[in-house]
Amino acid sequence: MKVYFAHPCFNDAQKAFKAEFLDRLSSALTHRQDILIVDPFSHTPNIEGDPEAKLQMAESVKIECIGLLEECDIIIALVDGDDTGVAFEAGYAHAVNKPVMLVSQKSCSAANAMMLGAAKAAVDNILEKEQMERLAGMLERFDGPQG
């Protein structure tokens, strides 16, 4: 099973969160080697800080990310930071009947109402051990495409 991780990763704090999140999720999923977490930042350049590159590469980044989304079975969307890219990815996933799970370092209730309405689940305080285990359990119980 492939899981798309939609998240902002443009500054040191976001990069540190991503590393910690992925490490903890990987640890929580140790007995499920068939779950692959797909990080779009591993497939596309970070061009947000370069307006010229962003204009030149926006279409190719969109195509790559949509391709990755379509290959995945489920989407985890980090709602912290009001990132419009995450909102786009979650909305696209919902439109093509891919389940979306929201996660937050604090509370998912701060997310946009449309994202909350589209989500199959929301997990607050995601770096807490119990919450990470809850997320891992939901992924382990996921049984395929919804529709």
N, C-alpha and C. Protein backbone atom coordinates (compact mmCIF):
# COMPACT_ATOMS: atom_id res chain seq x y z
N MET A 1 0.84 -1.18 0.00
CA MET A 1 0.00 0.00 0.00
C MET A 1 0.89 1.24 0.00
N LYS A 2 0.49 2.23 -0.79
CA LYS A 2 1.21 3.49 -0.85
C LYS A 2 0.40 4.59 -0.17
N VAL A 3 1.10 5.38 0.65
CA VAL A 3 0.48 6.48 1.39
C VAL A 3 1.19 7.77 1.00
N TYR A 4 0.46 8.73 0.47
CA TYR A 4 1.00 10.02 0.06
C TYR A 4 0.99 10.94 1.28
N PHE A 5 2.13 11.54 1.60
CA PHE A 5 2.23 12.46 2.73
C PHE A 5 2.27 13.90 2.21
N ALA A 6 1.13 14.59 2.28
CA ALA A 6 1.02 15.98 1.84
C ALA A 6 1.40 16.87 3.02
N HIS A 7 2.41 17.72 2.80
CA HIS A 7 2.92 18.54 3.89
C HIS A 7 3.77 19.68 3.34
N PRO A 8 3.83 20.78 4.09
CA PRO A 8 4.78 21.83 3.70
C PRO A 8 6.17 21.44 4.20
N CYS A 9 7.18 21.83 3.44
CA CYS A 9 8.55 21.50 3.84
C CYS A 9 9.50 22.57 3.28
N PHE A 10 9.28 23.80 3.71
CA PHE A 10 9.99 24.91 3.12
C PHE A 10 10.95 25.61 4.08
N ASN A 11 10.89 25.29 5.36
CA ASN A 11 11.79 25.92 6.31
C ASN A 11 12.34 24.86 7.26
N ASP A 12 13.27 25.25 8.11
CA ASP A 12 13.94 24.28 8.99
C ASP A 12 12.97 23.59 9.94
N ALA A 13 12.01 24.33 10.48
CA ALA A 13 11.05 23.74 11.41
C ALA A 13 10.19 22.68 10.71
N GLN A 14 9.73 22.98 9.49
CA GLN A 14 8.93 22.02 8.74
C GLN A 14 9.75 20.80 8.35
N LYS A 15 11.01 21.01 8.00
CA LYS A 15 11.89 19.88 7.66
C LYS A 15 12.14 19.01 8.88
N ALA A 16 12.33 19.62 10.03
CA ALA A 16 12.56 18.87 11.27
C ALA A 16 11.31 18.07 11.64
N PHE A 17 10.14 18.70 11.50
CA PHE A 17 8.89 17.98 11.80
C PHE A 17 8.75 16.77 10.87
N LYS A 18 8.99 16.99 9.58
CA LYS A 18 8.85 15.89 8.63
C LYS A 18 9.75 14.72 9.01
N ALA A 19 10.99 15.01 9.32
CA ALA A 19 11.93 13.94 9.68
C ALA A 19 11.45 13.18 10.91
N GLU A 20 11.00 13.91 11.91
CA GLU A 20 10.52 13.27 13.14
C GLU A 20 9.24 12.48 12.88
N PHE A 21 8.32 13.06 12.13
CA PHE A 21 7.07 12.38 11.80
C PHE A 21 7.33 11.07 11.06
N LEU A 22 8.14 11.15 10.01
CA LEU A 22 8.41 9.94 9.22
C LEU A 22 9.14 8.88 10.02
N ASP A 23 10.06 9.30 10.88
CA ASP A 23 10.78 8.36 11.73
C ASP A 23 9.82 7.66 12.70
N ARG A 24 8.96 8.43 13.34
CA ARG A 24 8.00 7.85 14.30
C ARG A 24 6.96 6.97 13.61
N LEU A 25 6.51 7.40 12.44
CA LEU A 25 5.54 6.58 11.71
C LEU A 25 6.19 5.28 11.26
N SER A 26 7.40 5.36 10.77
CA SER A 26 8.12 4.16 10.35
C SER A 26 8.27 3.19 11.52
N SER A 27 8.62 3.72 12.68
CA SER A 27 8.75 2.87 13.88
C SER A 27 7.42 2.23 14.26
N ALA A 28 6.34 2.99 14.13
CA ALA A 28 5.01 2.46 14.49
C ALA A 28 4.53 1.42 13.49
N LEU A 29 5.09 1.42 12.30
CA LEU A 29 4.68 0.48 11.25
C LEU A 29 5.70 -0.62 11.02
N THR A 30 6.55 -0.92 11.99
CA THR A 30 7.64 -1.87 11.78
C THR A 30 7.18 -3.25 11.32
N HIS A 31 6.00 -3.67 11.73
CA HIS A 31 5.53 -5.00 11.33
C HIS A 31 4.73 -4.96 10.03
N ARG A 32 4.69 -3.83 9.36
CA ARG A 32 3.98 -3.70 8.08
C ARG A 32 4.92 -3.14 7.02
N GLN A 33 5.78 -3.97 6.49
CA GLN A 33 6.75 -3.54 5.49
C GLN A 33 6.09 -3.23 4.14
N ASP A 34 4.81 -3.58 3.98
CA ASP A 34 4.12 -3.34 2.72
C ASP A 34 3.52 -1.94 2.63
N ILE A 35 3.67 -1.12 3.66
CA ILE A 35 3.18 0.25 3.64
C ILE A 35 4.33 1.18 3.29
N LEU A 36 4.22 1.84 2.14
CA LEU A 36 5.25 2.75 1.66
C LEU A 36 4.73 4.18 1.78
N ILE A 37 5.49 5.03 2.46
CA ILE A 37 5.13 6.44 2.57
C ILE A 37 5.79 7.19 1.41
N VAL A 38 5.00 7.88 0.62
CA VAL A 38 5.48 8.63 -0.53
C VAL A 38 5.57 10.10 -0.13
N ASP A 39 6.76 10.65 -0.21
CA ASP A 39 7.02 12.06 0.10
C ASP A 39 7.22 12.79 -1.22
N PRO A 40 6.28 13.68 -1.59
CA PRO A 40 6.43 14.37 -2.88
C PRO A 40 7.72 15.19 -2.98
N PHE A 41 8.28 15.62 -1.85
CA PHE A 41 9.52 16.39 -1.89
C PHE A 41 10.72 15.53 -2.30
N SER A 42 10.55 14.22 -2.28
CA SER A 42 11.60 13.32 -2.77
C SER A 42 11.56 13.19 -4.29
N HIS A 43 10.49 13.71 -4.90
CA HIS A 43 10.29 13.56 -6.34
C HIS A 43 10.30 14.89 -7.10
N THR A 44 10.22 15.99 -6.37
CA THR A 44 10.16 17.31 -7.01
C THR A 44 11.12 18.26 -6.31
N PRO A 45 11.62 19.26 -7.04
CA PRO A 45 12.50 20.23 -6.40
C PRO A 45 11.71 21.20 -5.53
N ASN A 46 12.34 21.72 -4.50
CA ASN A 46 11.72 22.74 -3.66
C ASN A 46 11.98 24.09 -4.34
N ILE A 47 10.97 24.61 -5.01
CA ILE A 47 11.12 25.84 -5.79
C ILE A 47 10.38 27.03 -5.18
N GLU A 48 9.78 26.84 -4.03
CA GLU A 48 8.94 27.90 -3.45
C GLU A 48 9.71 29.19 -3.18
N GLY A 49 10.97 29.12 -2.86
CA GLY A 49 11.73 30.32 -2.56
C GLY A 49 12.30 31.02 -3.80
N ASP A 50 12.04 30.48 -4.97
CA ASP A 50 12.59 31.02 -6.21
C ASP A 50 11.45 31.31 -7.19
N PRO A 51 10.95 32.55 -7.21
CA PRO A 51 9.78 32.87 -8.04
C PRO A 51 9.96 32.53 -9.52
N GLU A 52 11.15 32.74 -10.07
CA GLU A 52 11.38 32.43 -11.48
C GLU A 52 11.30 30.93 -11.74
N ALA A 53 11.96 30.15 -10.91
CA ALA A 53 11.91 28.69 -11.06
C ALA A 53 10.49 28.18 -10.85
N LYS A 54 9.77 28.77 -9.91
CA LYS A 54 8.40 28.34 -9.64
C LYS A 54 7.54 28.54 -10.89
N LEU A 55 7.66 29.69 -11.53
CA LEU A 55 6.89 29.93 -12.75
C LEU A 55 7.28 28.97 -13.87
N GLN A 56 8.55 28.67 -13.98
CA GLN A 56 9.02 27.78 -15.05
C GLN A 56 8.66 26.32 -14.80
N MET A 57 8.63 25.91 -13.54
CA MET A 57 8.48 24.49 -13.22
C MET A 57 7.13 24.11 -12.62
N ALA A 58 6.24 25.07 -12.44
CA ALA A 58 4.97 24.81 -11.76
C ALA A 58 4.18 23.68 -12.42
N GLU A 59 4.08 23.69 -13.71
CA GLU A 59 3.31 22.66 -14.43
C GLU A 59 3.93 21.28 -14.22
N SER A 60 5.24 21.16 -14.31
CA SER A 60 5.87 19.85 -14.15
C SER A 60 5.75 19.35 -12.70
N VAL A 61 5.83 20.25 -11.73
CA VAL A 61 5.65 19.85 -10.34
C VAL A 61 4.22 19.36 -10.12
N LYS A 62 3.25 20.09 -10.67
CA LYS A 62 1.84 19.66 -10.55
C LYS A 62 1.63 18.29 -11.16
N ILE A 63 2.15 18.08 -12.36
CA ILE A 63 1.99 16.79 -13.04
C ILE A 63 2.62 15.66 -12.22
N GLU A 64 3.81 15.89 -11.71
CA GLU A 64 4.49 14.86 -10.90
C GLU A 64 3.69 14.53 -9.64
N CYS A 65 3.25 15.56 -8.95
CA CYS A 65 2.52 15.33 -7.69
C CYS A 65 1.17 14.64 -7.94
N ILE A 66 0.47 15.05 -8.98
CA ILE A 66 -0.80 14.38 -9.30
C ILE A 66 -0.55 12.92 -9.67
N GLY A 67 0.51 12.66 -10.41
CA GLY A 67 0.85 11.27 -10.73
C GLY A 67 1.11 10.45 -9.48
N LEU A 68 1.85 11.03 -8.54
CA LEU A 68 2.11 10.34 -7.28
C LEU A 68 0.82 10.11 -6.49
N LEU A 69 -0.03 11.14 -6.43
CA LEU A 69 -1.32 11.00 -5.74
C LEU A 69 -2.14 9.86 -6.34
N GLU A 70 -2.18 9.79 -7.65
CA GLU A 70 -2.98 8.76 -8.31
C GLU A 70 -2.44 7.36 -8.07
N GLU A 71 -1.13 7.23 -7.83
CA GLU A 71 -0.53 5.93 -7.55
C GLU A 71 -0.76 5.48 -6.11
N CYS A 72 -1.14 6.41 -5.25
CA CYS A 72 -1.29 6.09 -3.83
C CYS A 72 -2.71 5.65 -3.49
N ASP A 73 -2.82 4.94 -2.38
CA ASP A 73 -4.10 4.42 -1.93
C ASP A 73 -4.79 5.33 -0.94
N ILE A 74 -4.01 6.09 -0.20
CA ILE A 74 -4.54 6.93 0.87
C ILE A 74 -3.61 8.13 1.04
N ILE A 75 -4.16 9.23 1.55
CA ILE A 75 -3.38 10.45 1.69
C ILE A 75 -3.40 10.88 3.15
N ILE A 76 -2.23 11.21 3.68
CA ILE A 76 -2.12 11.85 4.99
C ILE A 76 -1.79 13.31 4.70
N ALA A 77 -2.58 14.22 5.24
CA ALA A 77 -2.38 15.65 4.99
C ALA A 77 -2.10 16.37 6.31
N LEU A 78 -0.94 16.98 6.41
CA LEU A 78 -0.59 17.79 7.57
C LEU A 78 -1.26 19.14 7.42
N VAL A 79 -2.16 19.47 8.34
CA VAL A 79 -2.95 20.70 8.21
C VAL A 79 -2.29 21.91 8.85
N ASP A 80 -1.18 21.73 9.54
CA ASP A 80 -0.48 22.86 10.15
C ASP A 80 0.14 23.74 9.08
N GLY A 81 0.08 25.04 9.27
CA GLY A 81 0.77 25.96 8.38
C GLY A 81 -0.06 26.54 7.27
N ASP A 82 -1.33 26.18 7.18
CA ASP A 82 -2.20 26.75 6.13
C ASP A 82 -1.57 26.68 4.75
N ASP A 83 -1.01 25.55 4.40
CA ASP A 83 -0.32 25.41 3.12
C ASP A 83 -1.33 25.13 2.00
N THR A 84 -1.35 25.98 0.99
CA THR A 84 -2.30 25.80 -0.10
C THR A 84 -1.98 24.57 -0.94
N GLY A 85 -0.72 24.16 -0.99
CA GLY A 85 -0.36 22.94 -1.70
C GLY A 85 -0.99 21.72 -1.05
N VAL A 86 -0.96 21.65 0.26
CA VAL A 86 -1.58 20.54 0.99
C VAL A 86 -3.09 20.54 0.74
N ALA A 87 -3.70 21.73 0.76
CA ALA A 87 -5.14 21.82 0.50
C ALA A 87 -5.46 21.33 -0.91
N PHE A 88 -4.63 21.71 -1.88
CA PHE A 88 -4.82 21.24 -3.25
C PHE A 88 -4.73 19.71 -3.31
N GLU A 89 -3.68 19.16 -2.70
CA GLU A 89 -3.47 17.71 -2.74
C GLU A 89 -4.62 16.97 -2.06
N ALA A 90 -5.07 17.46 -0.92
CA ALA A 90 -6.18 16.81 -0.22
C ALA A 90 -7.46 16.91 -1.04
N GLY A 91 -7.71 18.08 -1.63
CA GLY A 91 -8.90 18.24 -2.44
C GLY A 91 -8.88 17.36 -3.68
N TYR A 92 -7.74 17.28 -4.32
CA TYR A 92 -7.61 16.42 -5.50
C TYR A 92 -7.85 14.96 -5.11
N ALA A 93 -7.22 14.54 -4.02
CA ALA A 93 -7.38 13.15 -3.56
C ALA A 93 -8.85 12.85 -3.28
N HIS A 94 -9.51 13.75 -2.59
CA HIS A 94 -10.93 13.54 -2.29
C HIS A 94 -11.75 13.46 -3.58
N ALA A 95 -11.44 14.31 -4.55
CA ALA A 95 -12.19 14.32 -5.80
C ALA A 95 -12.05 13.03 -6.59
N VAL A 96 -10.93 12.33 -6.42
CA VAL A 96 -10.73 11.06 -7.13
C VAL A 96 -10.94 9.86 -6.19
N ASN A 97 -11.69 10.11 -5.11
CA ASN A 97 -12.11 9.05 -4.17
C ASN A 97 -10.98 8.36 -3.43
N LYS A 98 -9.93 9.11 -3.12
CA LYS A 98 -8.85 8.59 -2.27
C LYS A 98 -9.13 9.08 -0.85
N PRO A 99 -9.09 8.21 0.13
CA PRO A 99 -9.32 8.64 1.51
C PRO A 99 -8.23 9.60 1.98
N VAL A 100 -8.65 10.63 2.70
CA VAL A 100 -7.75 11.63 3.23
C VAL A 100 -7.80 11.57 4.76
N MET A 101 -6.63 11.48 5.37
CA MET A 101 -6.51 11.51 6.83
C MET A 101 -5.74 12.77 7.19
N LEU A 102 -6.32 13.58 8.06
CA LEU A 102 -5.66 14.81 8.49
C LEU A 102 -4.84 14.54 9.74
N VAL A 103 -3.69 15.17 9.83
CA VAL A 103 -2.87 15.11 11.04
C VAL A 103 -2.42 16.52 11.38
N SER A 104 -2.18 16.74 12.67
CA SER A 104 -1.72 18.05 13.14
C SER A 104 -0.81 17.87 14.33
N GLN A 105 0.14 18.79 14.45
CA GLN A 105 0.99 18.80 15.64
C GLN A 105 0.18 19.26 16.86
N LYS A 106 -0.89 19.97 16.61
CA LYS A 106 -1.75 20.46 17.69
C LYS A 106 -3.16 19.94 17.49
N SER A 107 -3.97 20.66 16.71
CA SER A 107 -5.37 20.29 16.54
C SER A 107 -5.81 20.44 15.09
N CYS A 108 -6.40 19.39 14.56
CA CYS A 108 -6.91 19.43 13.20
C CYS A 108 -8.11 20.36 13.07
N SER A 109 -8.73 20.72 14.18
CA SER A 109 -9.90 21.59 14.13
C SER A 109 -9.58 22.96 13.55
N ALA A 110 -8.30 23.33 13.50
CA ALA A 110 -7.90 24.61 12.91
C ALA A 110 -7.89 24.55 11.38
N ALA A 111 -8.05 23.37 10.81
CA ALA A 111 -8.04 23.22 9.35
C ALA A 111 -9.29 23.83 8.74
N ASN A 112 -9.22 24.09 7.45
CA ASN A 112 -10.35 24.58 6.68
C ASN A 112 -11.52 23.60 6.81
N ALA A 113 -12.73 24.12 6.89
CA ALA A 113 -13.93 23.29 7.05
C ALA A 113 -14.08 22.29 5.91
N MET A 114 -13.71 22.67 4.69
CA MET A 114 -13.84 21.74 3.57
C MET A 114 -12.88 20.56 3.73
N MET A 115 -11.67 20.82 4.22
CA MET A 115 -10.73 19.72 4.46
C MET A 115 -11.26 18.81 5.55
N LEU A 116 -11.79 19.41 6.62
CA LEU A 116 -12.36 18.60 7.70
C LEU A 116 -13.52 17.76 7.19
N GLY A 117 -14.35 18.35 6.35
CA GLY A 117 -15.50 17.63 5.81
C GLY A 117 -15.12 16.50 4.87
N ALA A 118 -14.00 16.63 4.20
CA ALA A 118 -13.55 15.61 3.25
C ALA A 118 -12.76 14.49 3.92
N ALA A 119 -12.29 14.72 5.12
CA ALA A 119 -11.40 13.76 5.78
C ALA A 119 -12.16 12.55 6.31
N LYS A 120 -11.51 11.40 6.18
CA LYS A 120 -12.04 10.16 6.76
C LYS A 120 -11.66 10.06 8.23
N ALA A 121 -10.58 10.76 8.62
CA ALA A 121 -10.10 10.74 10.01
C ALA A 121 -9.25 11.96 10.25
N ALA A 122 -9.14 12.34 11.52
CA ALA A 122 -8.28 13.46 11.92
C ALA A 122 -7.57 13.06 13.20
N VAL A 123 -6.25 13.25 13.22
CA VAL A 123 -5.44 12.85 14.38
C VAL A 123 -4.68 14.08 14.89
N ASP A 124 -5.03 14.51 16.08
CA ASP A 124 -4.37 15.65 16.72
C ASP A 124 -3.09 15.19 17.43
N ASN A 125 -2.25 16.15 17.79
CA ASN A 125 -1.04 15.86 18.57
C ASN A 125 -0.29 14.66 18.00
N ILE A 126 -0.04 14.68 16.71
CA ILE A 126 0.44 13.50 15.98
C ILE A 126 1.79 12.97 16.45
N LEU A 127 2.62 13.79 17.06
CA LEU A 127 3.91 13.29 17.50
C LEU A 127 3.85 12.56 18.84
N GLU A 128 2.70 12.61 19.51
CA GLU A 128 2.55 11.82 20.75
C GLU A 128 2.46 10.35 20.38
N LYS A 129 3.08 9.53 21.19
CA LYS A 129 3.17 8.09 20.88
C LYS A 129 1.80 7.45 20.65
N GLU A 130 0.84 7.75 21.51
CA GLU A 130 -0.49 7.14 21.39
C GLU A 130 -1.17 7.55 20.09
N GLN A 131 -0.99 8.81 19.72
CA GLN A 131 -1.63 9.30 18.50
C GLN A 131 -0.96 8.71 17.26
N MET A 132 0.36 8.57 17.29
CA MET A 132 1.07 7.96 16.17
C MET A 132 0.65 6.50 16.03
N GLU A 133 0.50 5.81 17.14
CA GLU A 133 0.05 4.42 17.09
C GLU A 133 -1.38 4.34 16.55
N ARG A 134 -2.20 5.32 16.90
CA ARG A 134 -3.57 5.37 16.36
C ARG A 134 -3.53 5.52 14.84
N LEU A 135 -2.70 6.45 14.34
CA LEU A 135 -2.57 6.64 12.90
C LEU A 135 -2.06 5.35 12.24
N ALA A 136 -1.03 4.76 12.80
CA ALA A 136 -0.48 3.52 12.25
C ALA A 136 -1.55 2.43 12.21
N GLY A 137 -2.34 2.33 13.26
CA GLY A 137 -3.41 1.34 13.30
C GLY A 137 -4.45 1.57 12.20
N MET A 138 -4.78 2.83 11.96
CA MET A 138 -5.74 3.13 10.89
C MET A 138 -5.16 2.73 9.53
N LEU A 139 -3.88 3.02 9.32
CA LEU A 139 -3.25 2.63 8.06
C LEU A 139 -3.21 1.12 7.91
N GLU A 140 -2.91 0.42 8.99
CA GLU A 140 -2.84 -1.04 8.95
C GLU A 140 -4.20 -1.67 8.66
N ARG A 141 -5.27 -1.02 9.11
CA ARG A 141 -6.62 -1.56 8.89
C ARG A 141 -7.22 -1.15 7.55
N PHE A 142 -6.58 -0.20 6.88
CA PHE A 142 -7.10 0.26 5.59
C PHE A 142 -7.11 -0.90 4.63
N ASP A 143 -8.24 -1.08 3.95
CA ASP A 143 -8.36 -2.26 3.10
C ASP A 143 -8.52 -1.96 1.62
N GLY A 144 -8.08 -0.82 1.17
CA GLY A 144 -8.09 -0.57 -0.26
C GLY A 144 -8.87 0.65 -0.67
N PRO A 145 -8.93 0.90 -1.96
CA PRO A 145 -9.58 2.09 -2.48
C PRO A 145 -11.03 2.20 -2.04
N GLN A 146 -11.42 3.43 -1.80
CA GLN A 146 -12.81 3.71 -1.41
C GLN A 146 -13.54 4.21 -2.65
N GLY A 147 -14.82 4.19 -2.58
CA GLY A 147 -15.52 4.75 -3.73
C GLY A 147 -16.90 4.50 -3.67
